[in-house]
PDB file of N, CA and C in Angstrom:
ATOM      1  N   MET A   1       0.865  -1.198  -0.344  1.00  0.00           N
ATOM      2  CA  MET A   1       0.033   0.119   0.357  1.00  0.00           C
ATOM      3  C   MET A   1       0.687   1.555  -0.280  1.00  0.00           C
ATOM      4  N   LEU A   2       1.884   1.229   1.098  1.00  0.00           N
ATOM      5  CA  LEU A   2       2.900   2.468   1.129  1.00  0.00           C
ATOM      6  C   LEU A   2       3.362   2.210  -0.289  1.00  0.00           C
ATOM      7  N   THR A   3       3.875   1.301  -0.889  1.00  0.00           N
ATOM      8  CA  THR A   3       4.311   1.244  -2.395  1.00  0.00           C
ATOM      9  C   THR A   3       3.752   2.032  -3.496  1.00  0.00           C
ATOM     10  N   ILE A   4       2.139   1.961  -3.681  1.00  0.00           N
ATOM     11  CA  ILE A   4       1.546   2.876  -3.802  1.00  0.00           C
ATOM     12  C   ILE A   4       1.240   4.419  -3.957  1.00  0.00           C
ATOM     13  N   PHE A   5       1.537   4.708  -2.674  1.00  0.00           N
ATOM     14  CA  PHE A   5       1.231   5.958  -2.659  1.00  0.00           C
ATOM     15  C   PHE A   5       2.565   6.923  -2.517  1.00  0.00           C
ATOM     16  N   VAL A   6       3.506   5.814  -2.999  1.00  0.00           N
ATOM     17  CA  VAL A   6       4.910   6.486  -3.149  1.00  0.00           C
ATOM     18  C   VAL A   6       5.329   6.537  -4.942  1.00  0.00           C
ATOM     19  N   SER A   7       4.517   5.727  -5.426  1.00  0.00           N
ATOM     20  CA  SER A   7       4.687   6.231  -6.669  1.00  0.00           C
ATOM     21  C   SER A   7       3.419   6.815  -7.145  1.00  0.00           C
ATOM     22  N   LEU A   8       2.655   6.946  -6.847  1.00  0.00           N
ATOM     23  CA  LEU A   8       1.231   8.277  -7.386  1.00  0.00           C
ATOM     24  C   LEU A   8       2.088   9.481  -7.036  1.00  0.00           C
ATOM     25  N   PHE A   9       2.747   9.627  -5.573  1.00  0.00           N
ATOM     26  CA  PHE A   9       3.255  10.873  -5.498  1.00  0.00           C
ATOM     27  C   PHE A   9       4.258  10.881  -6.058  1.00  0.00           C
ATOM     28  N   ALA A  10       5.274  10.371  -6.683  1.00  0.00           N
ATOM     29  CA  ALA A  10       6.111  10.032  -7.677  1.00  0.00           C
ATOM     30  C   ALA A  10       5.901  10.736  -9.036  1.00  0.00           C
ATOM     31  N   LYS A  11       4.775  10.018  -9.385  1.00  0.00           N
ATOM     32  CA  LYS A  11       4.128  10.698 -10.850  1.00  0.00           C
ATOM     33  C   LYS A  11       3.286  11.755 -10.439  1.00  0.00           C
ATOM     34  N   PHE A  12       2.885  12.166  -9.480  1.00  0.00           N
ATOM     35  CA  PHE A  12       1.837  13.723  -9.181  1.00  0.00           C
ATOM     36  C   PHE A  12       2.034  14.698  -8.403  1.00  0.00           C
ATOM     37  N   TRP A  13       3.445  14.173  -8.184  1.00  0.00           N
ATOM     38  CA  TRP A  13       3.636  15.655  -7.780  1.00  0.00           C
ATOM     39  C   TRP A  13       3.728  17.102  -7.839  1.00  0.00           C
ATOM     40  N   PRO A  14       3.722  17.140  -8.940  1.00  0.00           N
ATOM     41  CA  PRO A  14       3.901  18.564  -9.710  1.00  0.00           C
ATOM     42  C   PRO A  14       2.362  19.109  -9.396  1.00  0.00           C
ATOM     43  N   ALA A  15       1.450  18.613  -9.581  1.00  0.00           N
ATOM     44  CA  ALA A  15      -0.060  18.667  -9.811  1.00  0.00           C
ATOM     45  C   ALA A  15      -0.413  19.309  -8.435  1.00  0.00           C
ATOM     46  N   ILE A  16       0.269  17.571  -6.988  1.00  0.00           N
ATOM     47  CA  ILE A  16       0.073  18.206  -5.938  1.00  0.00           C
ATOM     48  C   ILE A  16       0.569  19.793  -5.234  1.00  0.00           C
ATOM     49  N   VAL A  17       1.676  19.795  -5.827  1.00  0.00           N
ATOM     50  CA  VAL A  17       2.522  20.852  -5.351  1.00  0.00           C
ATOM     51  C   VAL A  17       1.527  22.526  -5.809  1.00  0.00           C
ATOM     52  N   GLY A  18       1.319  21.922  -7.278  1.00  0.00           N
ATOM     53  CA  GLY A  18       0.905  23.458  -7.707  1.00  0.00           C
ATOM     54  C   GLY A  18      -0.543  23.344  -7.130  1.00  0.00           C
ATOM     55  N   ALA A  19      -1.589  22.412  -6.565  1.00  0.00           N
ATOM     56  CA  ALA A  19      -2.669  22.695  -5.918  1.00  0.00           C
ATOM     57  C   ALA A  19      -2.667  23.059  -4.787  1.00  0.00           C
ATOM     58  N   CYS A  20      -1.519  23.179  -4.386  1.00  0.00           N
ATOM     59  CA  CYS A  20      -0.985  23.582  -3.077  1.00  0.00           C
ATOM     60  C   CYS A  20      -0.794  25.106  -3.042  1.00  0.00           C
ATOM     61  N   GLY A  21       0.057  24.941  -3.701  1.00  0.00           N
ATOM     62  CA  GLY A  21       0.112  26.493  -4.010  1.00  0.00           C
ATOM     63  C   GLY A  21      -0.430  27.271  -4.489  1.00  0.00           C
ATOM     64  N   ILE A  22      -1.659  27.032  -5.473  1.00  0.00           N
ATOM     65  CA  ILE A  22      -2.997  27.851  -5.766  1.00  0.00           C
ATOM     66  C   ILE A  22      -3.588  27.945  -4.351  1.00  0.00           C
ATOM     67  N   GLY A  23      -3.756  26.793  -3.571  1.00  0.00           N
ATOM     68  CA  GLY A  23      -5.064  26.818  -2.647  1.00  0.00           C
ATOM     69  C   GLY A  23      -4.009  28.160  -1.170  1.00  0.00           C
ATOM     70  N   ALA A  24      -2.755  28.009  -1.505  1.00  0.00           N
ATOM     71  CA  ALA A  24      -1.969  29.016  -0.764  1.00  0.00           C
ATOM     72  C   ALA A  24      -2.647  30.794  -1.362  1.00  0.00           C
ATOM     73  N   GLY A  25      -1.477  31.308  -2.576  1.00  0.00           N
ATOM     74  CA  GLY A  25      -2.662  32.208  -2.745  1.00  0.00           C
ATOM     75  C   GLY A  25      -3.735  32.284  -3.143  1.00  0.00           C
ATOM     76  N   VAL A  26      -4.930  31.730  -2.510  1.00  0.00           N
ATOM     77  CA  VAL A  26      -5.908  32.049  -2.521  1.00  0.00           C
ATOM     78  C   VAL A  26      -6.385  32.442  -1.178  1.00  0.00           C
ATOM     79  N   LEU A  27      -5.632  31.502  -0.193  1.00  0.00           N
ATOM     80  CA  LEU A  27      -5.866  31.879   0.688  1.00  0.00           C
ATOM     81  C   LEU A  27      -5.185  33.338   1.566  1.00  0.00           C
ATOM     82  N   VAL A  28      -4.011  34.001   0.779  1.00  0.00           N
ATOM     83  CA  VAL A  28      -3.369  35.034   1.093  1.00  0.00           C
ATOM     84  C   VAL A  28      -4.071  35.805   0.584  1.00  0.00           C
ATOM     85  N   GLY A  29      -4.353  35.807  -0.699  1.00  0.00           N
ATOM     86  CA  GLY A  29      -5.792  36.559  -1.303  1.00  0.00           C
ATOM     87  C   GLY A  29      -6.654  37.295  -0.724  1.00  0.00           C
ATOM     88  N   PHE A  30      -6.838  36.188  -0.014  1.00  0.00           N
ATOM     89  CA  PHE A  30      -8.498  36.385   0.873  1.00  0.00           C
ATOM     90  C   PHE A  30      -7.961  37.248   1.874  1.00  0.00           C
ATOM     91  N   VAL A  31      -7.155  37.072   2.643  1.00  0.00           N
ATOM     92  CA  VAL A  31      -6.335  37.648   4.093  1.00  0.00           C
ATOM     93  C   VAL A  31      -6.242  38.745   3.602  1.00  0.00           C
ATOM     94  N   GLN A  32      -5.139  39.270   2.649  1.00  0.00           N
ATOM     95  CA  GLN A  32      -5.279  40.391   2.343  1.00  0.00           C
ATOM     96  C   GLN A  32      -6.323  41.136   1.559  1.00  0.00           C
ATOM     97  N   THR A  33      -6.926  40.532   0.815  1.00  0.00           N
ATOM     98  CA  THR A  33      -8.474  41.464   0.636  1.00  0.00           C
ATOM     99  C   THR A  33      -9.107  42.027   1.845  1.00  0.00           C
ATOM    100  N   LYS A  34      -9.200  41.019   2.932  1.00  0.00           N
ATOM    101  CA  LYS A  34      -9.976  41.474   4.303  1.00  0.00           C
ATOM    102  C   LYS A  34      -9.164  42.584   5.180  1.00  0.00           C
ATOM    103  N   SER A  35      -8.009  41.987   5.194  1.00  0.00           N
ATOM    104  CA  SER A  35      -7.277  43.507   5.445  1.00  0.00           C
ATOM    105  C   SER A  35      -7.632  45.053   5.044  1.00  0.00           C
ATOM    106  N   ALA A  36      -7.462  44.819   3.651  1.00  0.00           N
ATOM    107  CA  ALA A  36      -7.616  45.648   3.032  1.00  0.00           C
ATOM    108  C   ALA A  36      -9.283  46.656   2.891  1.00  0.00           C
ATOM    109  N   GLN A  37      -9.935  45.685   3.662  1.00  0.00           N
ATOM    110  CA  GLN A  37     -11.287  45.976   3.998  1.00  0.00           C
ATOM    111  C   GLN A  37     -11.576  46.923   5.167  1.00  0.00           C
ATOM    112  N   THR A  38     -10.591  46.376   5.595  1.00  0.00           N
ATOM    113  CA  THR A  38     -10.315  46.583   7.398  1.00  0.00           C
ATOM    114  C   THR A  38      -9.746  48.002   7.201  1.00  0.00           C
ATOM    115  N   LYS A  39      -8.598  48.305   6.414  1.00  0.00           N
ATOM    116  CA  LYS A  39      -7.804  49.639   6.399  1.00  0.00           C
ATOM    117  C   LYS A  39      -8.983  50.573   5.602  1.00  0.00           C
ATOM    118  N   VAL A  40      -9.536  50.588   4.850  1.00  0.00           N
ATOM    119  CA  VAL A  40     -10.019  51.173   3.704  1.00  0.00           C
ATOM    120  C   VAL A  40     -11.421  51.870   5.120  1.00  0.00           C
ATOM    121  N   ALA A  41     -12.195  50.426   5.875  1.00  0.00           N
ATOM    122  CA  ALA A  41     -12.854  51.089   6.169  1.00  0.00           C
ATOM    123  C   ALA A  41     -12.537  52.066   7.946  1.00  0.00           C
ATOM    124  N   GLN A  42     -11.345  52.046   8.645  1.00  0.00           N
ATOM    125  CA  GLN A  42     -10.821  52.514   9.728  1.00  0.00           C
ATOM    126  C   GLN A  42     -10.389  54.046   8.659  1.00  0.00           C
ATOM    127  N   ALA A  43     -10.319  53.667   7.094  1.00  0.00           N
ATOM    128  CA  ALA A  43      -9.595  55.317   7.090  1.00  0.00           C
ATOM    129  C   ALA A  43     -10.815  55.874   6.551  1.00  0.00           C
ATOM    130  N   ASN A  44     -11.649  55.558   6.516  1.00  0.00           N
ATOM    131  CA  ASN A  44     -13.926  55.703   6.154  1.00  0.00           C
ATOM    132  C   ASN A  44     -13.970  56.436   7.314  1.00  0.00           C
ATOM    133  N   ALA A  45     -13.666  55.843   8.487  1.00  0.00           N
ATOM    134  CA  ALA A  45     -14.044  56.230   9.973  1.00  0.00           C
ATOM    135  C   ALA A  45     -13.416  57.553  10.293  1.00  0.00           C
ATOM    136  N   VAL A  46     -12.238  57.749   9.739  1.00  0.00           N
ATOM    137  CA  VAL A  46     -11.355  58.709  10.178  1.00  0.00           C
ATOM    138  C   VAL A  46     -11.607  59.895   9.618  1.00  0.00           C
ATOM    139  N   VAL A  47     -12.020  59.547   7.906  1.00  0.00           N
ATOM    140  CA  VAL A  47     -13.132  61.189   7.534  1.00  0.00           C
ATOM    141  C   VAL A  47     -13.775  60.900   7.542  1.00  0.00           C
ATOM    142  N   ALA A  48     -14.821  60.042   8.247  1.00  0.00           N
ATOM    143  CA  ALA A  48     -16.448  60.481   8.597  1.00  0.00           C
ATOM    144  C   ALA A  48     -15.547  61.478  10.219  1.00  0.00           C
ATOM    145  N   GLN A  49     -14.937  61.403  10.436  1.00  0.00           N
ATOM    146  CA  GLN A  49     -14.858  61.952  12.291  1.00  0.00           C
ATOM    147  C   GLN A  49     -14.208  63.326  11.808  1.00  0.00           C
ATOM    148  N   ALA A  50     -13.289  63.047  10.822  1.00  0.00           N
ATOM    149  CA  ALA A  50     -12.496  64.735  10.469  1.00  0.00           C
ATOM    150  C   ALA A  50     -13.709  66.188   9.727  1.00  0.00           C
ATOM    151  N   GLN A  51     -14.691  64.977   9.154  1.00  0.00           N
ATOM    152  CA  GLN A  51     -15.657  65.694   8.030  1.00  0.00           C
ATOM    153  C   GLN A  51     -16.356  66.529   9.384  1.00  0.00           C
ATOM    154  N   GLN A  52     -16.458  65.171  10.512  1.00  0.00           N
ATOM    155  CA  GLN A  52     -17.995  66.060  11.513  1.00  0.00           C
ATOM    156  C   GLN A  52     -17.459  67.318  12.111  1.00  0.00           C
ATOM    157  N   GLN A  53     -15.415  67.101  12.450  1.00  0.00           N
ATOM    158  CA  GLN A  53     -14.838  68.535  13.232  1.00  0.00           C
ATOM    159  C   GLN A  53     -15.402  69.450  13.031  1.00  0.00           C
ATOM    160  N   VAL A  54     -15.070  68.967  11.277  1.00  0.00           N
ATOM    161  CA  VAL A  54     -14.577  70.421  10.301  1.00  0.00           C
ATOM    162  C   VAL A  54     -16.060  70.915  10.832  1.00  0.00           C
ATOM    163  N   ALA A  55     -17.060  70.432  10.438  1.00  0.00           N
ATOM    164  CA  ALA A  55     -18.648  70.676  10.212  1.00  0.00           C
ATOM    165  C   ALA A  55     -18.618  71.416  11.803  1.00  0.00           C
ATOM    166  N   ASP A  56     -18.723  71.068  12.930  1.00  0.00           N
ATOM    167  CA  ASP A  56     -18.484  71.068  14.192  1.00  0.00           C
ATOM    168  C   ASP A  56     -18.143  72.900  14.308  1.00  0.00           C
ATOM    169  N   GLU A  57     -16.455  72.911  13.945  1.00  0.00           N
ATOM    170  CA  GLU A  57     -16.189  73.774  14.019  1.00  0.00           C
ATOM    171  C   GLU A  57     -16.771  75.038  13.677  1.00  0.00           C
ATOM    172  N   GLY A  58     -17.081  74.428  12.259  1.00  0.00           N
ATOM    173  CA  GLY A  58     -17.633  75.467  10.881  1.00  0.00           C
ATOM    174  C   GLY A  58     -19.212  76.192  11.668  1.00  0.00           C
ATOM    175  N   ASN A  59     -19.964  75.434  12.655  1.00  0.00           N
ATOM    176  CA  ASN A  59     -20.880  75.543  13.352  1.00  0.00           C
ATOM    177  C   ASN A  59     -20.754  76.857  14.452  1.00  0.00           C
ATOM    178  N   ALA A  60     -19.534  76.334  15.044  1.00  0.00           N
ATOM    179  CA  ALA A  60     -18.813  77.494  16.139  1.00  0.00           C
ATOM    180  C   ALA A  60     -18.417  78.307  15.540  1.00  0.00           C
ATOM    181  N   GLN A  61     -17.751  78.375  14.528  1.00  0.00           N
ATOM    182  CA  GLN A  61     -17.359  79.761  14.116  1.00  0.00           C
ATOM    183  C   GLN A  61     -18.637  80.920  13.494  1.00  0.00           C
ATOM    184  N   ALA A  62     -19.695  79.905  13.134  1.00  0.00           N
ATOM    185  CA  ALA A  62     -20.614  80.737  12.381  1.00  0.00           C
ATOM    186  C   ALA A  62     -21.527  81.434  13.795  1.00  0.00           C
ATOM    187  N   GLN A  63     -22.005  80.492  15.046  1.00  0.00           N
ATOM    188  CA  GLN A  63     -21.892  81.214  15.954  1.00  0.00           C
ATOM    189  C   GLN A  63     -21.338  82.362  16.498  1.00  0.00           C
ATOM    190  N   ALA A  64     -20.252  81.704  16.485  1.00  0.00           N
ATOM    191  CA  ALA A  64     -19.377  83.062  17.122  1.00  0.00           C
ATOM    192  C   ALA A  64     -19.403  84.030  15.797  1.00  0.00           C
ATOM    193  N   ASP A  65     -19.174  84.236  14.864  1.00  0.00           N
ATOM    194  CA  ASP A  65     -19.898  85.166  13.947  1.00  0.00           C
ATOM    195  C   ASP A  65     -21.175  86.005  14.096  1.00  0.00           C
ATOM    196  N   ALA A  66     -22.178  85.089  14.510  1.00  0.00           N
ATOM    197  CA  ALA A  66     -23.213  86.038  14.864  1.00  0.00           C
ATOM    198  C   ALA A  66     -23.209  86.396  15.720  1.00  0.00           C
ATOM    199  N   ALA A  67     -22.264  86.071  17.187  1.00  0.00           N
ATOM    200  CA  ALA A  67     -22.689  86.679  18.463  1.00  0.00           C
ATOM    201  C   ALA A  67     -22.028  88.112  17.941  1.00  0.00           C
ATOM    202  N   ALA A  68     -21.134  88.173  17.488  1.00  0.00           N
ATOM    203  CA  ALA A  68     -20.251  89.458  17.195  1.00  0.00           C
ATOM    204  C   ALA A  68     -21.135  90.255  16.106  1.00  0.00           C
ATOM    205  N   ALA A  69     -21.433  89.706  15.064  1.00  0.00           N
ATOM    206  CA  ALA A  69     -22.699  90.434  14.266  1.00  0.00           C
ATOM    207  C   ALA A  69     -23.529  91.243  15.323  1.00  0.00           C
ATOM    208  N   ARG A  70     -24.338  90.341  16.301  1.00  0.00           N
ATOM    209  CA  ARG A  70     -24.981  91.211  17.288  1.00  0.00           C
ATOM    210  C   ARG A  70     -24.350  91.986  18.348  1.00  0.00           C
ATOM    211  N   ALA A  71     -23.322  91.904  18.400  1.00  0.00           N
ATOM    212  CA  ALA A  71     -22.570  92.888  19.618  1.00  0.00           C
ATOM    213  C   ALA A  71     -22.561  93.758  18.733  1.00  0.00           C
ATOM    214  N   GLY A  72     -22.019  94.414  17.581  1.00  0.00           N
ATOM    215  CA  GLY A  72     -22.016  95.180  16.940  1.00  0.00           C
ATOM    216  C   GLY A  72     -22.952  95.923  16.703  1.00  0.00           C
ATOM    217  N   GLU A  73     -24.187  95.378  16.550  1.00  0.00           N
ATOM    218  CA  GLU A  73     -25.421  96.022  16.256  1.00  0.00           C
ATOM    219  C   GLU A  73     -25.993  96.680  17.233  1.00  0.00           C
ATOM    220  N   THR A  74     -25.893  96.060  18.360  1.00  0.00           N
ATOM    221  CA  THR A  74     -26.154  96.537  19.930  1.00  0.00           C
ATOM    222  C   THR A  74     -25.331  97.867  20.228  1.00  0.00           C
ATOM    223  N   ALA A  75     -23.929  97.513  19.759  1.00  0.00           N
ATOM    224  CA  ALA A  75     -22.948  98.728  20.188  1.00  0.00           C
ATOM    225  C   ALA A  75     -22.910 100.023  19.069  1.00  0.00           C
ATOM    226  N   VAL A  76     -23.712  99.577  17.948  1.00  0.00           N
ATOM    227  CA  VAL A  76     -24.676 101.031  17.045  1.00  0.00           C
ATOM    228  C   VAL A  76     -25.616 101.288  17.529  1.00  0.00           C
ATOM    229  N   VAL A  77     -26.608 101.054  18.255  1.00  0.00           N
ATOM    230  CA  VAL A  77     -27.953 101.186  18.597  1.00  0.00           C
ATOM    231  C   VAL A  77     -27.140 102.592  19.905  1.00  0.00           C
ATOM    232  N   ASN A  78     -26.572 101.272  20.913  1.00  0.00           N
ATOM    233  CA  ASN A  78     -26.298 102.578  21.928  1.00  0.00           C
ATOM    234  C   ASN A  78     -25.216 103.508  21.471  1.00  0.00           C
ATOM    235  N   ALA A  79     -24.106 103.805  21.173  1.00  0.00           N
ATOM    236  CA  ALA A  79     -23.600 104.752  20.262  1.00  0.00           C
ATOM    237  C   ALA A  79     -25.008 105.536  19.736  1.00  0.00           C
ATOM    238  N   SER A  80     -25.682 105.253  18.769  1.00  0.00           N
ATOM    239  CA  SER A  80     -26.788 106.116  18.312  1.00  0.00           C
ATOM    240  C   SER A  80     -27.505 106.859  19.629  1.00  0.00           C
ATOM    241  N   GLN A  81     -28.124 106.006  20.414  1.00  0.00           N
ATOM    242  CA  GLN A  81     -29.064 106.226  21.688  1.00  0.00           C
ATOM    243  C   GLN A  81     -28.254 107.295  22.674  1.00  0.00           C
ATOM    244  N   ALA A  82     -26.823 107.050  22.778  1.00  0.00           N
ATOM    245  CA  ALA A  82     -26.182 108.084  23.601  1.00  0.00           C
ATOM    246  C   ALA A  82     -25.720 109.628  22.725  1.00  0.00           C
ATOM    247  N   GLU A  83     -25.814 109.363  21.662  1.00  0.00           N
ATOM    248  CA  GLU A  83     -25.908 110.315  20.404  1.00  0.00           C
ATOM    249  C   GLU A  83     -26.750 111.337  21.333  1.00  0.00           C
ATOM    250  N   GLN A  84     -27.879 110.705  20.639  1.00  0.00           N
ATOM    251  CA  GLN A  84     -28.941 111.776  20.101  1.00  0.00           C
ATOM    252  C   GLN A  84     -29.890 112.033  21.558  1.00  0.00           C
ATOM    253  N   ALA A  85     -28.948 111.148  22.914  1.00  0.00           N
ATOM    254  CA  ALA A  85     -29.311 111.539  23.755  1.00  0.00           C
ATOM    255  C   ALA A  85     -28.368 113.126  24.727  1.00  0.00           C
ATOM    256  N   ALA A  86     -27.314 112.881  23.755  1.00  0.00           N
ATOM    257  CA  ALA A  86     -26.597 113.979  23.999  1.00  0.00           C
ATOM    258  C   ALA A  86     -27.074 115.441  23.497  1.00  0.00           C
ATOM    259  N   SER A  87     -27.542 115.362  21.977  1.00  0.00           N
ATOM    260  CA  SER A  87     -27.686 115.912  21.369  1.00  0.00           C
ATOM    261  C   SER A  87     -28.774 116.718  22.152  1.00  0.00           C
ATOM    262  N   THR A  88     -29.662 115.777  22.896  1.00  0.00           N
ATOM    263  CA  THR A  88     -31.317 117.092  22.790  1.00  0.00           C
ATOM    264  C   THR A  88     -30.992 117.255  24.821  1.00  0.00           C
ATOM    265  N   THR A  89     -29.900 117.087  25.476  1.00  0.00           N
ATOM    266  CA  THR A  89     -29.385 117.392  26.447  1.00  0.00           C
ATOM    267  C   THR A  89     -28.828 119.012  26.412  1.00  0.00           C
ATOM    268  N   PRO A  90     -29.231 119.638  27.365  1.00  0.00           N
ATOM    269  CA  PRO A  90     -29.009 121.264  27.429  1.00  0.00           C
ATOM    270  C   PRO A  90     -27.607 120.562  28.155  1.00  0.00           C
ATOM    271  N   PRO A  91     -26.931 121.670  27.784  1.00  0.00           N
ATOM    272  CA  PRO A  91     -25.526 121.753  28.491  1.00  0.00           C
ATOM    273  C   PRO A  91     -25.076 122.629  29.471  1.00  0.00           C
ATOM    274  N   SER A  92     -25.778 122.323  30.296  1.00  0.00           N
ATOM    275  CA  SER A  92     -25.771 122.747  31.562  1.00  0.00           C
ATOM    276  C   SER A  92     -26.058 121.654  31.960  1.00  0.00           C
ATOM    277  N   ASP A  93     -26.875 120.622  32.076  1.00  0.00           N
ATOM    278  CA  ASP A  93     -27.149 119.551  32.728  1.00  0.00           C
ATOM    279  C   ASP A  93     -25.922 118.483  31.998  1.00  0.00           C
ATOM    280  N   LEU A  94     -25.157 118.335  30.540  1.00  0.00           N
ATOM    281  CA  LEU A  94     -24.125 117.912  30.880  1.00  0.00           C
ATOM    282  C   LEU A  94     -22.790 118.115  31.680  1.00  0.00           C
ATOM    283  N   ASP A  95     -22.476 119.505  31.685  1.00  0.00           N
ATOM    284  CA  ASP A  95     -21.290 119.762  32.399  1.00  0.00           C
ATOM    285  C   ASP A  95     -22.057 119.263  34.008  1.00  0.00           C
ATOM    286  N   ALA A  96     -23.302 119.067  34.635  1.00  0.00           N
ATOM    287  CA  ALA A  96     -23.428 118.558  35.888  1.00  0.00           C
ATOM    288  C   ALA A  96     -22.900 117.162  36.080  1.00  0.00           C
ATOM    289  N   ARG A  97     -23.324 117.266  34.664  1.00  0.00           N
ATOM    290  CA  ARG A  97     -23.224 114.842  34.972  1.00  0.00           C
ATOM    291  C   ARG A  97     -21.900 114.574  34.473  1.00  0.00           C
ATOM    292  N   LEU A  98     -20.789 115.602  33.906  1.00  0.00           N
ATOM    293  CA  LEU A  98     -19.298 115.623  33.681  1.00  0.00           C
ATOM    294  C   LEU A  98     -19.006 116.091  34.910  1.00  0.00           C
ATOM    295  N   GLU A  99     -19.290 117.008  35.806  1.00  0.00           N
ATOM    296  CA  GLU A  99     -18.635 117.076  37.094  1.00  0.00           C
ATOM    297  C   GLU A  99     -19.449 115.624  38.182  1.00  0.00           C
ATOM    298  N   ASP A 100     -20.281 115.248  38.180  1.00  0.00           N
ATOM    299  CA  ASP A 100     -20.632 114.160  38.790  1.00  0.00           C
ATOM    300  C   ASP A 100     -19.616 112.683  38.477  1.00  0.00           C
ATOM    301  N   LEU A 101     -19.931 112.415  37.191  1.00  0.00           N
ATOM    302  CA  LEU A 101     -18.586 111.688  36.633  1.00  0.00           C
ATOM    303  C   LEU A 101     -17.460 111.547  37.124  1.00  0.00           C
ATOM    304  N   GLY A 102     -16.729 113.096  37.157  1.00  0.00           N
ATOM    305  CA  GLY A 102     -15.172 113.331  37.677  1.00  0.00           C
ATOM    306  C   GLY A 102     -15.380 113.203  39.325  1.00  0.00           C
ATOM    307  N   ALA A 103     -15.973 113.791  39.830  1.00  0.00           N
ATOM    308  CA  ALA A 103     -16.115 113.548  41.369  1.00  0.00           C
ATOM    309  C   ALA A 103     -16.176 111.926  40.965  1.00  0.00           C
ATOM    310  N   LEU A 104     -17.082 111.151  40.975  1.00  0.00           N
ATOM    311  CA  LEU A 104     -17.029 109.702  40.828  1.00  0.00           C
ATOM    312  C   LEU A 104     -15.791 108.878  41.098  1.00  0.00           C
ATOM    313  N   ARG A 105     -15.302 109.360  40.016  1.00  0.00           N
ATOM    314  CA  ARG A 105     -13.955 108.825  39.551  1.00  0.00           C
ATOM    315  C   ARG A 105     -12.787 109.029  40.663  1.00  0.00           C
ATOM    316  N   LYS A 106     -12.520 110.467  41.090  1.00  0.00           N
ATOM    317  CA  LYS A 106     -11.619 111.134  42.320  1.00  0.00           C
ATOM    318  C   LYS A 106     -11.624 110.038  43.626  1.00  0.00           C
ATOM    319  N   GLU A 107     -13.226 109.564  43.628  1.00  0.00           N
ATOM    320  CA  GLU A 107     -13.381 108.671  45.041  1.00  0.00           C
ATOM    321  C   GLU A 107     -12.744 107.277  44.789  1.00  0.00           C
TER     322      GLU A 107
END
């Protein structure tokens, strides 16, 4: 029986080695494909996270810009009101106010 196996192996060893080589190649290809798919999935997750951070930073910047615009608008309104109040107040009242402010600062 052993003689039959040895003679068959001697006759078909190139086919057996070739089949093992093909099987090993398929196995290596499968493992590399799965590894590449995992790396692509990880890269996509990193990209999605980076895009979310950019969107969050963009939202924060937009909110900051809106707050700055509101503050500027409030400052303009306050300055306009102060100017209007100063233009309608008699000079004697303004002098009294300035003296009061000067007295407050000295204390």
